[in-house]
Amino acid sequence: MSDDHTHVQEFFSARAAHWDERFPDDGPVYAAAVSELGLREGDRVLDAGCGTGRALPPLREAVGPSGVVIGADLTPAMLQAAVRAGRDRSGRLVLADVARLPLLPRSLDAVFAAGLVAHLPDPGANLRELARAVRPGGILALFHPIGRAALAARQGRRITPDDLRARDNLGPLLSASGWRMTSYTDEDTRFLALAERCP
């Protein structure tokens, strides 16, 4: 998601059509993560790096018909897959880079970001951009449907000390980017870090 988006777009474009088939059982864990945001009727929420839009239906359910749900992704093929799955009925899909969101400052109540952090070329600046779009006291959820160790095993690698999602790395990164981490969960079945937008 840097200025040269070729690598990210190629990676996800090649996998978009069958993405949901590869991970067919993720729905409940997405819904459970969304429920922890504490969204209310009428809230405005962004699914940053929404992919095929798996979080959009539970986000819509959480904010109700008066709320605003936006799914932003850098890869057109992923957004097309979201439309084929009918998830565009749950939120507005936008082709956008999270490094330069087409949103007004403080226009959101929350951001949900599944699997996004690993694809950010400048995590500090990118998290600051998310903070710019969220009102003070708003929520950021950094999520993955499996934990760090399980993901590393799936990818045939080991967790290293510089893993961005490690609590000791993520907490200071969030603090320097306008967020305060409020909870952290890293289990085989999910990763979820919640942060509050600082005043």
Protein backbone atom coordinates (compact mmCIF):
# COMPACT_ATOMS: atom_id res chain seq x y z
CA MET A 1 0.00 0.00 0.00
CA SER A 2 2.92 2.26 -0.66
CA ASP A 3 3.07 4.55 -3.65
CA ASP A 4 4.01 1.47 -5.67
CA HIS A 5 1.00 -0.76 -5.08
CA THR A 6 1.97 -3.35 -7.67
CA HIS A 7 3.10 -6.09 -5.26
CA VAL A 8 0.05 -5.87 -2.98
CA GLN A 9 -2.38 -5.64 -5.88
CA GLU A 10 -0.78 -8.57 -7.70
CA PHE A 11 -0.80 -10.71 -4.55
CA PHE A 12 -4.47 -10.11 -3.78
CA SER A 13 -5.69 -9.94 -7.38
CA ALA A 14 -4.39 -13.44 -7.98
CA ARG A 15 -6.28 -14.74 -4.93
CA ALA A 16 -9.45 -12.63 -4.89
CA ALA A 17 -11.78 -14.98 -6.78
CA HIS A 18 -11.16 -17.88 -4.37
CA TRP A 19 -10.31 -15.98 -1.19
CA ASP A 20 -13.51 -16.87 0.66
CA GLU A 21 -13.24 -20.51 -0.41
CA ARG A 22 -9.80 -20.70 1.21
CA PHE A 23 -11.15 -19.46 4.53
CA PRO A 24 -14.82 -20.56 4.64
CA ASP A 25 -15.13 -20.73 8.43
CA ASP A 26 -13.99 -17.21 9.34
CA GLY A 27 -17.46 -15.64 9.53
CA PRO A 28 -18.15 -16.27 13.24
CA VAL A 29 -14.75 -15.01 14.37
CA TYR A 30 -15.21 -11.84 12.30
CA ALA A 31 -18.63 -11.28 13.89
CA ALA A 32 -17.21 -11.87 17.37
CA ALA A 33 -14.41 -9.35 16.76
CA VAL A 34 -16.86 -6.74 15.46
CA SER A 35 -19.00 -7.21 18.58
CA GLU A 36 -16.04 -6.17 20.73
CA LEU A 37 -15.88 -2.73 19.14
CA GLY A 38 -18.95 -1.63 21.08
CA LEU A 39 -20.51 0.01 18.04
CA ARG A 40 -23.88 1.71 18.44
CA GLU A 41 -26.82 2.41 16.19
CA GLY A 42 -25.91 5.27 13.86
CA ASP A 43 -22.13 4.96 14.19
CA ARG A 44 -19.83 5.52 11.21
CA VAL A 45 -17.28 2.74 10.65
CA LEU A 46 -14.58 1.97 8.09
CA ASP A 47 -13.43 -1.53 7.19
CA ALA A 48 -9.86 -0.64 6.16
CA GLY A 49 -8.43 -3.11 3.67
CA CYS A 50 -11.83 -4.78 3.49
CA GLY A 51 -10.86 -7.41 0.93
CA THR A 52 -13.93 -9.44 0.01
CA GLY A 53 -15.96 -7.63 2.66
CA ARG A 54 -16.37 -10.40 5.24
CA ALA A 55 -16.66 -7.85 8.05
CA LEU A 56 -19.25 -5.68 6.30
CA PRO A 57 -22.40 -7.65 7.27
CA PRO A 58 -21.59 -7.75 11.02
CA LEU A 59 -20.54 -4.09 10.90
CA ARG A 60 -23.88 -3.18 9.27
CA GLU A 61 -25.75 -5.19 11.86
CA ALA A 62 -23.88 -3.36 14.64
CA VAL A 63 -24.56 0.18 13.37
CA GLY A 64 -28.04 -0.47 12.00
CA PRO A 65 -29.71 1.16 9.02
CA SER A 66 -28.92 4.69 10.23
CA GLY A 67 -25.19 3.99 10.50
CA VAL A 68 -22.53 4.35 7.84
CA VAL A 69 -20.37 1.40 6.76
CA ILE A 70 -17.51 1.91 4.30
CA GLY A 71 -15.30 -0.83 2.93
CA ALA A 72 -12.05 0.48 1.45
CA ASP A 73 -9.54 -1.65 -0.40
CA LEU A 74 -6.62 -1.07 -2.74
CA THR A 75 -7.32 -4.06 -5.00
CA PRO A 76 -10.20 -3.83 -7.51
CA ALA A 77 -10.46 -7.63 -7.75
CA MET A 78 -11.13 -7.90 -4.02
CA LEU A 79 -13.89 -5.30 -4.23
CA GLN A 80 -15.37 -7.15 -7.21
CA ALA A 81 -15.39 -10.34 -5.14
CA ALA A 82 -17.19 -8.45 -2.36
CA VAL A 83 -19.85 -7.39 -4.87
CA ARG A 84 -20.23 -10.96 -6.18
CA ALA A 85 -20.76 -12.11 -2.59
CA GLY A 86 -23.48 -9.46 -2.16
CA ARG A 87 -21.60 -7.68 0.62
CA ASP A 88 -21.91 -4.32 -1.11
CA ARG A 89 -25.47 -4.33 0.26
CA SER A 90 -23.99 -3.97 3.76
CA GLY A 91 -21.73 -1.00 3.04
CA ARG A 92 -20.33 1.35 0.46
CA LEU A 93 -17.26 -0.04 -1.28
CA VAL A 94 -14.45 2.38 -2.13
CA LEU A 95 -11.24 1.80 -4.08
CA ALA A 96 -8.80 3.61 -1.80
CA ASP A 97 -5.38 3.48 -0.19
CA VAL A 98 -5.47 3.63 3.62
CA ALA A 99 -2.40 5.89 3.40
CA ARG A 100 -4.62 8.59 1.85
CA LEU A 101 -8.22 8.07 2.85
CA PRO A 102 -10.86 10.08 0.99
CA LEU A 103 -12.50 10.96 4.33
CA LEU A 104 -12.83 14.14 6.36
CA PRO A 105 -10.94 14.42 9.64
CA ARG A 106 -12.78 12.95 12.64
CA SER A 107 -15.56 11.64 10.41
CA LEU A 108 -15.54 8.07 11.77
CA ASP A 109 -16.42 6.44 15.08
CA ALA A 110 -14.39 3.29 14.43
CA VAL A 111 -12.03 1.46 12.08
CA PHE A 112 -11.93 -2.30 11.67
CA ALA A 113 -8.77 -3.60 10.00
CA ALA A 114 -8.45 -7.32 9.34
CA GLY A 115 -4.99 -8.50 8.31
CA LEU A 116 -4.01 -4.97 7.32
CA VAL A 117 -0.98 -4.18 9.48
CA ALA A 118 1.35 -6.64 7.77
CA HIS A 119 0.71 -4.93 4.42
CA LEU A 120 1.40 -1.35 5.52
CA PRO A 121 4.68 0.02 4.11
CA ASP A 122 4.87 2.79 6.72
CA PRO A 123 2.83 1.53 9.69
CA GLY A 124 3.33 4.64 11.82
CA ALA A 125 2.22 7.06 9.11
CA ASN A 126 -0.59 4.77 8.01
CA LEU A 127 -1.95 4.39 11.54
CA ARG A 128 -1.75 8.18 11.92
CA GLU A 129 -3.88 8.49 8.77
CA LEU A 130 -6.48 6.19 10.31
CA ALA A 131 -6.35 8.29 13.49
CA ARG A 132 -6.91 11.44 11.43
CA ALA A 133 -10.20 10.04 10.18
CA VAL A 134 -11.47 8.93 13.61
CA ARG A 135 -12.98 11.16 16.29
CA PRO A 136 -11.24 11.35 19.69
CA GLY A 137 -12.40 8.38 21.74
CA GLY A 138 -13.15 6.37 18.61
CA ILE A 139 -11.98 2.78 18.26
CA LEU A 140 -9.47 0.92 16.10
CA ALA A 141 -9.60 -2.88 15.86
CA LEU A 142 -6.56 -4.63 14.41
CA PHE A 143 -7.75 -8.16 13.74
CA HIS A 144 -6.72 -11.45 12.20
CA PRO A 145 -8.89 -14.59 12.26
CA ILE A 146 -5.94 -16.63 13.56
CA GLY A 147 -3.21 -15.69 16.01
CA ARG A 148 0.41 -14.84 15.27
CA ALA A 149 1.81 -18.32 15.95
CA ALA A 150 -0.88 -20.07 13.90
CA LEU A 151 -0.38 -17.66 11.01
CA ALA A 152 3.38 -18.14 11.08
CA ALA A 153 2.95 -21.92 11.05
CA ARG A 154 0.52 -21.67 8.11
CA GLN A 155 3.08 -19.62 6.19
CA GLY A 156 5.98 -21.92 7.11
CA ARG A 157 7.89 -19.32 9.09
CA ARG A 158 8.74 -18.50 12.70
CA ILE A 159 7.69 -15.48 14.73
CA THR A 160 10.58 -13.05 15.05
CA PRO A 161 11.16 -10.43 17.77
CA ASP A 162 10.46 -7.64 15.27
CA ASP A 163 6.93 -8.95 14.54
CA LEU A 164 4.87 -5.79 14.29
CA ARG A 165 1.86 -7.40 15.96
CA ALA A 166 3.77 -8.42 19.11
CA ARG A 167 2.35 -6.56 22.11
CA ASP A 168 5.73 -4.93 22.93
CA ASN A 169 6.03 -3.59 19.38
CA LEU A 170 2.41 -2.73 18.67
CA GLY A 171 1.70 -0.77 21.86
CA PRO A 172 4.42 1.87 21.31
CA LEU A 173 3.63 2.05 17.59
CA LEU A 174 -0.01 2.79 18.34
CA SER A 175 0.93 5.34 21.02
CA ALA A 176 3.18 7.19 18.59
CA SER A 177 0.38 7.19 16.00
CA GLY A 178 -2.41 8.78 18.03
CA TRP A 179 -3.89 5.65 19.62
CA ARG A 180 -3.91 4.07 23.09
CA MET A 181 -4.08 0.27 23.15
CA THR A 182 -6.92 -0.84 25.41
CA SER A 183 -6.84 -4.62 24.94
CA TYR A 184 -4.70 -7.27 23.31
CA THR A 185 -5.53 -10.89 22.48
CA ASP A 186 -3.24 -13.29 20.64
CA GLU A 187 -4.56 -16.85 20.59
CA ASP A 188 -4.46 -19.63 18.02
CA THR A 189 -8.05 -18.81 17.07
CA ARG A 190 -7.65 -15.05 16.65
CA PHE A 191 -5.60 -11.89 17.04
CA LEU A 192 -7.37 -8.73 18.20
CA ALA A 193 -5.86 -5.50 19.45
CA LEU A 194 -8.24 -2.68 20.31
CA ALA A 195 -7.10 0.93 20.60
CA GLU A 196 -8.80 4.22 21.42
CA ARG A 197 -8.18 7.42 19.48
CA CYS A 198 -6.36 9.86 21.75
CA PRO A 199 -7.78 13.38 22.20
